[in-house]
C-alpha atoms as a PDB file:
ATOM      1  CA  MET A   1       7.832 -33.187  -0.245  1.00  0.00           C
ATOM      2  CA  PRO A   2       4.805 -34.991   1.111  1.00  0.00           C
ATOM      3  CA  SER A   3       1.892 -33.250   2.680  1.00  0.00           C
ATOM      4  CA  SER A   4      -0.720 -34.657   4.982  1.00  0.00           C
ATOM      5  CA  SER A   5      -2.876 -36.792   2.698  1.00  0.00           C
ATOM      6  CA  THR A   6      -0.909 -35.833  -0.392  1.00  0.00           C
ATOM      7  CA  THR A   7       1.354 -37.741  -2.698  1.00  0.00           C
ATOM      8  CA  ALA A   8       3.308 -34.583  -3.501  1.00  0.00           C
ATOM      9  CA  THR A   9       3.089 -35.641  -7.116  1.00  0.00           C
ATOM     10  CA  PRO A  10       2.811 -32.665  -9.468  1.00  0.00           C
ATOM     11  CA  ASP A  11      -0.342 -32.755 -11.529  1.00  0.00           C
ATOM     12  CA  GLY A  12      -1.383 -36.047 -13.111  1.00  0.00           C
ATOM     13  CA  ALA A  13      -4.760 -36.076 -11.386  1.00  0.00           C
ATOM     14  CA  PRO A  14      -8.027 -36.459 -13.271  1.00  0.00           C
ATOM     15  CA  SER A  15      -9.510 -33.317 -11.742  1.00  0.00           C
ATOM     16  CA  ARG A  16      -8.285 -29.847 -12.598  1.00  0.00           C
ATOM     17  CA  PRO A  17      -6.779 -27.571  -9.944  1.00  0.00           C
ATOM     18  CA  PRO A  18      -8.114 -24.054  -9.470  1.00  0.00           C
ATOM     19  CA  GLU A  19      -6.452 -21.444 -11.650  1.00  0.00           C
ATOM     20  CA  GLY A  20      -3.683 -19.419 -10.059  1.00  0.00           C
ATOM     21  CA  PRO A  21       0.016 -19.465  -9.286  1.00  0.00           C
ATOM     22  CA  GLY A  22       1.783 -22.545  -8.022  1.00  0.00           C
ATOM     23  CA  ILE A  23       2.317 -26.178  -8.913  1.00  0.00           C
ATOM     24  CA  PRO A  24      -0.644 -28.598  -8.961  1.00  0.00           C
ATOM     25  CA  LEU A  25      -0.368 -31.328  -6.325  1.00  0.00           C
ATOM     26  CA  ARG A  26      -2.668 -34.279  -5.828  1.00  0.00           C
ATOM     27  CA  SER A  27      -3.957 -35.540  -2.489  1.00  0.00           C
ATOM     28  CA  TYR A  28      -4.358 -39.203  -1.638  1.00  0.00           C
ATOM     29  CA  THR A  29      -8.088 -38.740  -2.134  1.00  0.00           C
ATOM     30  CA  GLY A  30      -7.598 -37.415  -5.650  1.00  0.00           C
ATOM     31  CA  HIS A  31      -8.224 -33.772  -4.793  1.00  0.00           C
ATOM     32  CA  VAL A  32      -5.940 -31.443  -6.760  1.00  0.00           C
ATOM     33  CA  PHE A  33      -4.797 -28.189  -5.203  1.00  0.00           C
ATOM     34  CA  ARG A  34      -2.204 -25.565  -6.057  1.00  0.00           C
ATOM     35  CA  PHE A  35       0.851 -25.141  -3.901  1.00  0.00           C
ATOM     36  CA  ASP A  36       2.761 -21.896  -4.347  1.00  0.00           C
ATOM     37  CA  PRO A  37       6.015 -22.111  -2.360  1.00  0.00           C
ATOM     38  CA  GLY A  38       6.991 -18.598  -3.414  1.00  0.00           C
ATOM     39  CA  ALA A  39      10.360 -19.407  -5.024  1.00  0.00           C
ATOM     40  CA  LEU A  40      11.639 -21.421  -7.959  1.00  0.00           C
ATOM     41  CA  CYS A  41      14.093 -23.401  -5.842  1.00  0.00           C
ATOM     42  CA  LEU A  42      11.305 -24.457  -3.468  1.00  0.00           C
ATOM     43  CA  GLU A  43       9.160 -25.601  -6.386  1.00  0.00           C
ATOM     44  CA  LEU A  44      11.845 -28.164  -7.182  1.00  0.00           C
ATOM     45  CA  LEU A  45      11.474 -29.706  -3.719  1.00  0.00           C
ATOM     46  CA  VAL A  46       8.033 -31.155  -4.507  1.00  0.00           C
ATOM     47  CA  THR A  47       9.527 -33.551  -7.074  1.00  0.00           C
ATOM     48  CA  GLY A  48      10.898 -36.067  -4.572  1.00  0.00           C
ATOM     49  CA  GLY A  49      14.022 -36.183  -2.454  1.00  0.00           C
ATOM     50  CA  PRO A  50      16.243 -38.292  -0.216  1.00  0.00           C
ATOM     51  CA  GLY A  51      15.211 -40.581   2.623  1.00  0.00           C
ATOM     52  CA  ALA A  52      11.518 -41.354   2.800  1.00  0.00           C
ATOM     53  CA  LEU A  53      10.891 -38.954  -0.080  1.00  0.00           C
ATOM     54  CA  THR A  54      12.297 -41.365  -2.645  1.00  0.00           C
ATOM     55  CA  ARG A  55       8.826 -42.898  -2.901  1.00  0.00           C
ATOM     56  CA  TYR A  56       7.571 -39.572  -4.279  1.00  0.00           C
ATOM     57  CA  GLU A  57      10.241 -39.275  -6.974  1.00  0.00           C
ATOM     58  CA  VAL A  58       8.883 -37.910 -10.259  1.00  0.00           C
ATOM     59  CA  LEU A  59      12.106 -36.931 -12.060  1.00  0.00           C
ATOM     60  CA  HIS A  60      13.053 -40.119 -13.872  1.00  0.00           C
ATOM     61  CA  THR A  61      13.603 -38.992 -17.445  1.00  0.00           C
ATOM     62  CA  PRO A  62      14.474 -35.815 -19.373  1.00  0.00           C
ATOM     63  CA  GLU A  63      10.797 -35.595 -20.277  1.00  0.00           C
ATOM     64  CA  ASP A  64       9.889 -35.548 -16.577  1.00  0.00           C
ATOM     65  CA  LEU A  65      12.333 -32.720 -15.959  1.00  0.00           C
ATOM     66  CA  ALA A  66      10.995 -30.780 -18.944  1.00  0.00           C
ATOM     67  CA  ALA A  67       7.459 -31.259 -17.613  1.00  0.00           C
ATOM     68  CA  TRP A  68       8.498 -29.797 -14.248  1.00  0.00           C
ATOM     69  CA  VAL A  69      10.049 -26.803 -16.013  1.00  0.00           C
ATOM     70  CA  GLY A  70       6.738 -26.246 -17.787  1.00  0.00           C
ATOM     71  CA  ARG A  71       4.852 -26.226 -14.471  1.00  0.00           C
ATOM     72  CA  SER A  72       7.379 -24.054 -12.662  1.00  0.00           C
ATOM     73  CA  ARG A  73       7.502 -20.286 -12.353  1.00  0.00           C
ATOM     74  CA  LEU A  74      10.098 -20.143 -15.146  1.00  0.00           C
ATOM     75  CA  THR A  75       7.807 -18.171 -17.428  1.00  0.00           C
ATOM     76  CA  PRO A  76       7.663 -18.197 -20.303  1.00  0.00           C
ATOM     77  CA  THR A  77       8.809 -21.806 -20.412  1.00  0.00           C
ATOM     78  CA  PRO A  78      12.300 -22.005 -21.934  1.00  0.00           C
ATOM     79  CA  GLY A  79      11.864 -23.517 -25.373  1.00  0.00           C
ATOM     80  CA  ALA A  80      15.438 -24.436 -26.231  1.00  0.00           C
ATOM     81  CA  LEU A  81      16.282 -26.809 -23.387  1.00  0.00           C
ATOM     82  CA  ASP A  82      18.245 -29.897 -24.405  1.00  0.00           C
ATOM     83  CA  LEU A  83      18.027 -32.242 -21.429  1.00  0.00           C
ATOM     84  CA  THR A  84      19.758 -35.592 -20.946  1.00  0.00           C
ATOM     85  CA  ASP A  85      19.666 -38.408 -18.405  1.00  0.00           C
ATOM     86  CA  ALA A  86      22.848 -36.954 -16.875  1.00  0.00           C
ATOM     87  CA  ASP A  87      21.038 -33.625 -16.462  1.00  0.00           C
ATOM     88  CA  VAL A  88      18.237 -35.368 -14.567  1.00  0.00           C
ATOM     89  CA  GLU A  89      20.766 -36.873 -12.152  1.00  0.00           C
ATOM     90  CA  HIS A  90      22.473 -33.489 -11.758  1.00  0.00           C
ATOM     91  CA  VAL A  91      19.206 -31.704 -10.969  1.00  0.00           C
ATOM     92  CA  ARG A  92      18.209 -34.441  -8.525  1.00  0.00           C
ATOM     93  CA  ARG A  93      21.526 -34.091  -6.669  1.00  0.00           C
ATOM     94  CA  LEU A  94      20.988 -30.344  -6.498  1.00  0.00           C
ATOM     95  CA  ARG A  95      17.421 -30.819  -5.270  1.00  0.00           C
ATOM     96  CA  ASP A  96      18.483 -33.195  -2.508  1.00  0.00           C
ATOM     97  CA  ALA A  97      21.229 -30.809  -1.381  1.00  0.00           C
ATOM     98  CA  LEU A  98      18.764 -27.913  -1.417  1.00  0.00           C
ATOM     99  CA  LEU A  99      16.243 -29.921   0.565  1.00  0.00           C
ATOM    100  CA  ARG A 100      18.689 -30.789   3.329  1.00  0.00           C
ATOM    101  CA  THR A 101      19.932 -27.196   3.413  1.00  0.00           C
ATOM    102  CA  VAL A 102      16.476 -25.644   3.603  1.00  0.00           C
ATOM    103  CA  VAL A 103      15.195 -28.196   6.119  1.00  0.00           C
ATOM    104  CA  SER A 104      18.217 -27.457   8.320  1.00  0.00           C
ATOM    105  CA  ARG A 105      17.255 -23.788   8.326  1.00  0.00           C
ATOM    106  CA  ILE A 106      13.891 -24.755   9.793  1.00  0.00           C
ATOM    107  CA  HIS A 107      14.951 -27.782  11.864  1.00  0.00           C
ATOM    108  CA  PRO A 108      18.707 -27.636  12.578  1.00  0.00           C
ATOM    109  CA  GLY A 109      18.802 -31.338  13.406  1.00  0.00           C
ATOM    110  CA  GLY A 110      17.210 -32.402  10.151  1.00  0.00           C
ATOM    111  CA  LEU A 111      13.882 -34.165   9.771  1.00  0.00           C
ATOM    112  CA  PRO A 112      14.044 -37.634  11.381  1.00  0.00           C
ATOM    113  CA  PRO A 113      10.424 -38.573  10.484  1.00  0.00           C
ATOM    114  CA  LEU A 114      11.469 -38.479   6.823  1.00  0.00           C
ATOM    115  CA  ASP A 115      15.000 -39.777   7.393  1.00  0.00           C
ATOM    116  CA  ILE A 116      16.473 -36.467   6.218  1.00  0.00           C
ATOM    117  CA  PRO A 117      19.717 -35.561   8.030  1.00  0.00           C
ATOM    118  CA  ALA A 118      21.010 -32.069   8.651  1.00  0.00           C
ATOM    119  CA  ALA A 119      22.854 -30.440   5.771  1.00  0.00           C
ATOM    120  CA  GLY A 120      26.618 -30.768   5.581  1.00  0.00           C
ATOM    121  CA  PRO A 121      29.480 -29.077   3.712  1.00  0.00           C
ATOM    122  CA  ALA A 122      28.961 -31.385   0.730  1.00  0.00           C
ATOM    123  CA  ASP A 123      25.459 -29.971   0.236  1.00  0.00           C
ATOM    124  CA  LEU A 124      26.758 -26.412   0.138  1.00  0.00           C
ATOM    125  CA  ARG A 125      29.373 -27.453  -2.402  1.00  0.00           C
ATOM    126  CA  VAL A 126      26.708 -28.929  -4.664  1.00  0.00           C
ATOM    127  CA  ILE A 127      24.644 -25.740  -4.501  1.00  0.00           C
ATOM    128  CA  ASN A 128      27.579 -23.382  -4.962  1.00  0.00           C
ATOM    129  CA  GLU A 129      29.098 -25.368  -7.814  1.00  0.00           C
ATOM    130  CA  ALA A 130      25.763 -25.341  -9.627  1.00  0.00           C
ATOM    131  CA  ALA A 131      25.317 -21.615  -9.034  1.00  0.00           C
ATOM    132  CA  ALA A 132      28.821 -20.896 -10.375  1.00  0.00           C
ATOM    133  CA  ARG A 133      27.898 -22.126 -13.849  1.00  0.00           C
ATOM    134  CA  PRO A 134      26.180 -19.914 -16.451  1.00  0.00           C
ATOM    135  CA  PRO A 135      22.398 -19.746 -15.880  1.00  0.00           C
ATOM    136  CA  LEU A 136      19.598 -19.592 -18.416  1.00  0.00           C
ATOM    137  CA  ALA A 137      19.962 -16.331 -20.334  1.00  0.00           C
ATOM    138  CA  PRO A 138      16.998 -13.947 -20.389  1.00  0.00           C
ATOM    139  CA  ALA A 139      16.197 -11.927 -23.483  1.00  0.00           C
ATOM    140  CA  LEU A 140      14.020  -8.991 -24.443  1.00  0.00           C
ATOM    141  CA  GLY A 141      11.403  -9.745 -27.068  1.00  0.00           C
ATOM    142  CA  GLU A 142      10.495  -7.387 -29.899  1.00  0.00           C
ATOM    143  CA  ASP A 143       7.151  -6.826 -28.191  1.00  0.00           C
ATOM    144  CA  GLY A 144       8.926  -5.695 -25.018  1.00  0.00           C
ATOM    145  CA  THR A 145       8.228  -8.864 -23.057  1.00  0.00           C
ATOM    146  CA  ARG A 146      10.718 -11.023 -21.223  1.00  0.00           C
ATOM    147  CA  ARG A 147      11.821 -14.165 -22.981  1.00  0.00           C
ATOM    148  CA  TRP A 148      14.635 -16.686 -22.836  1.00  0.00           C
ATOM    149  CA  SER A 149      17.515 -16.694 -25.237  1.00  0.00           C
ATOM    150  CA  PRO A 150      16.835 -18.975 -28.212  1.00  0.00           C
ATOM    151  CA  ALA A 151      20.390 -20.311 -27.926  1.00  0.00           C
ATOM    152  CA  PRO A 152      20.474 -24.007 -26.919  1.00  0.00           C
ATOM    153  CA  ALA A 153      20.688 -24.558 -23.170  1.00  0.00           C
ATOM    154  CA  GLY A 154      20.992 -27.698 -21.052  1.00  0.00           C
ATOM    155  CA  GLY A 155      20.545 -29.020 -17.573  1.00  0.00           C
ATOM    156  CA  ALA A 156      23.604 -27.201 -16.242  1.00  0.00           C
ATOM    157  CA  GLN A 157      22.053 -23.826 -17.061  1.00  0.00           C
ATOM    158  CA  LEU A 158      18.736 -24.911 -15.593  1.00  0.00           C
ATOM    159  CA  ALA A 159      20.411 -26.130 -12.402  1.00  0.00           C
ATOM    160  CA  SER A 160      22.393 -22.900 -12.151  1.00  0.00           C
ATOM    161  CA  THR A 161      19.223 -20.834 -12.401  1.00  0.00           C
ATOM    162  CA  VAL A 162      17.636 -22.856  -9.595  1.00  0.00           C
ATOM    163  CA  ALA A 163      20.773 -22.745  -7.424  1.00  0.00           C
ATOM    164  CA  ARG A 164      21.141 -18.979  -7.836  1.00  0.00           C
ATOM    165  CA  ASP A 165      17.509 -18.574  -6.857  1.00  0.00           C
ATOM    166  CA  ALA A 166      18.261 -20.572  -3.697  1.00  0.00           C
ATOM    167  CA  VAL A 167      21.285 -18.405  -2.877  1.00  0.00           C
ATOM    168  CA  ASP A 168      19.175 -15.273  -3.325  1.00  0.00           C
ATOM    169  CA  LEU A 169      16.401 -16.680  -1.142  1.00  0.00           C
ATOM    170  CA  LEU A 170      18.573 -17.939   1.696  1.00  0.00           C
ATOM    171  CA  THR A 171      20.661 -14.761   1.865  1.00  0.00           C
ATOM    172  CA  GLY A 172      17.885 -12.267   1.139  1.00  0.00           C
ATOM    173  CA  PRO A 173      15.266 -10.383   3.144  1.00  0.00           C
ATOM    174  CA  TYR A 174      12.901 -13.362   3.305  1.00  0.00           C
ATOM    175  CA  ALA A 175      15.475 -15.866   4.528  1.00  0.00           C
ATOM    176  CA  ASP A 176      13.874 -15.990   7.984  1.00  0.00           C
ATOM    177  CA  ARG A 177      10.437 -16.553   6.437  1.00  0.00           C
ATOM    178  CA  VAL A 178      11.233 -19.936   4.914  1.00  0.00           C
ATOM    179  CA  ARG A 179       8.832 -22.227   6.756  1.00  0.00           C
ATOM    180  CA  MET A 180       7.206 -25.629   6.797  1.00  0.00           C
ATOM    181  CA  CYS A 181       3.453 -26.059   6.636  1.00  0.00           C
ATOM    182  CA  SER A 182       1.763 -26.250  10.038  1.00  0.00           C
ATOM    183  CA  GLY A 183      -0.590 -28.974   8.849  1.00  0.00           C
ATOM    184  CA  GLU A 184      -0.520 -32.355  10.532  1.00  0.00           C
ATOM    185  CA  ARG A 185       2.099 -34.566   8.841  1.00  0.00           C
ATOM    186  CA  CYS A 186       2.619 -31.936   6.144  1.00  0.00           C
ATOM    187  CA  TYR A 187       6.225 -31.178   5.246  1.00  0.00           C
ATOM    188  CA  LEU A 188       5.786 -28.819   2.309  1.00  0.00           C
ATOM    189  CA  ILE A 189       8.156 -25.844   2.470  1.00  0.00           C
ATOM    190  CA  TYR A 190       7.366 -22.307   1.371  1.00  0.00           C
ATOM    191  CA  VAL A 191       8.594 -18.754   1.817  1.00  0.00           C
ATOM    192  CA  ASP A 192       6.069 -16.366   3.329  1.00  0.00           C
ATOM    193  CA  THR A 193       6.162 -13.220   1.214  1.00  0.00           C
ATOM    194  CA  SER A 194       2.902 -11.797   2.568  1.00  0.00           C
ATOM    195  CA  ARG A 195       3.039  -8.382   4.176  1.00  0.00           C
ATOM    196  CA  PRO A 196       1.891  -9.499   7.652  1.00  0.00           C
ATOM    197  CA  GLY A 197       4.108 -12.595   7.508  1.00  0.00           C
ATOM    198  CA  ARG A 198       1.507 -14.880   9.091  1.00  0.00           C
ATOM    199  CA  ARG A 199       1.186 -17.622   6.482  1.00  0.00           C
ATOM    200  CA  ARG A 200       0.825 -21.042   8.160  1.00  0.00           C
ATOM    201  CA  TRP A 201      -0.323 -23.411   5.452  1.00  0.00           C
ATOM    202  CA  CYS A 202       0.998 -24.899   2.242  1.00  0.00           C
ATOM    203  CA  SER A 203      -2.377 -23.993   0.756  1.00  0.00           C
ATOM    204  CA  MET A 204      -5.534 -22.578   2.288  1.00  0.00           C
ATOM    205  CA  GLU A 205      -7.579 -24.875   0.049  1.00  0.00           C
ATOM    206  CA  HIS A 206      -5.794 -27.933   1.441  1.00  0.00           C
ATOM    207  CA  CYS A 207      -4.194 -27.880   4.901  1.00  0.00           C
ATOM    208  CA  GLY A 208      -5.791 -24.545   5.776  1.00  0.00           C
ATOM    209  CA  ASN A 209      -9.247 -25.875   4.969  1.00  0.00           C
ATOM    210  CA  ARG A 210      -8.585 -29.158   6.782  1.00  0.00           C
ATOM    211  CA  SER A 211      -7.614 -27.213   9.891  1.00  0.00           C
ATOM    212  CA  LYS A 212     -10.761 -25.086   9.717  1.00  0.00           C
ATOM    213  CA  VAL A 213     -12.924 -28.188   9.347  1.00  0.00           C
ATOM    214  CA  ARG A 214     -11.272 -29.854  12.365  1.00  0.00           C
ATOM    215  CA  ALA A 215     -11.658 -26.685  14.431  1.00  0.00           C
ATOM    216  CA  HIS A 216     -15.330 -26.413  13.454  1.00  0.00           C
ATOM    217  CA  ARG A 217     -15.995 -30.037  14.400  1.00  0.00           C
ATOM    218  CA  ALA A 218     -14.196 -29.619  17.710  1.00  0.00           C
ATOM    219  CA  HIS A 219     -16.249 -26.482  18.444  1.00  0.00           C
ATOM    220  CA  ARG A 220     -19.499 -28.285  17.673  1.00  0.00           C
ATOM    221  CA  ALA A 221     -18.459 -31.201  19.880  1.00  0.00           C
ATOM    222  CA  ARG A 222     -17.735 -28.838  22.792  1.00  0.00           C
ATOM    223  CA  ARG A 223     -21.099 -27.120  22.379  1.00  0.00           C
ATOM    224  CA  THR A 224     -22.848 -30.499  22.319  1.00  0.00           C
ATOM    225  CA  ASP A 225     -21.071 -31.572  25.498  1.00  0.00           C
ATOM    226  CA  GLU A 226     -21.899 -28.289  27.211  1.00  0.00           C
ATOM    227  CA  SER A 227     -25.595 -28.494  26.284  1.00  0.00           C
ATOM    228  CA  ALA A 228     -26.012 -32.136  27.273  1.00  0.00           C
ATOM    229  CA  PRO A 229     -28.028 -32.566  30.511  1.00  0.00           C
ATOM    230  CA  SER A 230     -25.977 -33.681  33.451  1.00  0.00           C
ATOM    231  CA  GLU A 231     -26.919 -36.770  35.378  1.00  0.00           C
ATOM    232  CA  GLU A 232     -27.814 -36.209  39.035  1.00  0.00           C
END
């Protein structure tokens, strides 16, 4: 989803984002920052969407989908994914259904500025049908680390893993902490998993910093006005 002054396009910028969790996003000015939405299903929402979000679409080919998997929190990256054009369409349908569903949790009437309507029964069917299929299979490595099964897997398993993550999120203890960034014209969605539950921004280095800069400028302007001599 777009953010204020961002293209919501994962990575692809000439500058490198700071190290840390999350998916790299690029601002209109070329600044790259990391956005950690806190859940796998929410990471998929930055790849485009319905309505006005079609201009931000980045999932065009199986290679695009594989690239998103590599940037996502699916670690280690599944190495046996066999993705097709049909899988890309399937994942995009799931993403759009997830987007409408999550947006409706935050704004029951949908998001008119982005031409995103409220979720309907068809969206729930898409999510539930995807979740009902077998997901990616985890495996235990000889070194004791978590891995993915080396057995071939496709887009249906990937979509199921994302859909199940969405079901867990929207029915779990953090369901009421799924929020939209408070930044001006920023529509990025995240789940606030912090202990105090006071997260407001998609990223402190982006919208959070922009807000602090605006507040600082406004404070300086007030002080200047207050110190200016009045005319008799």
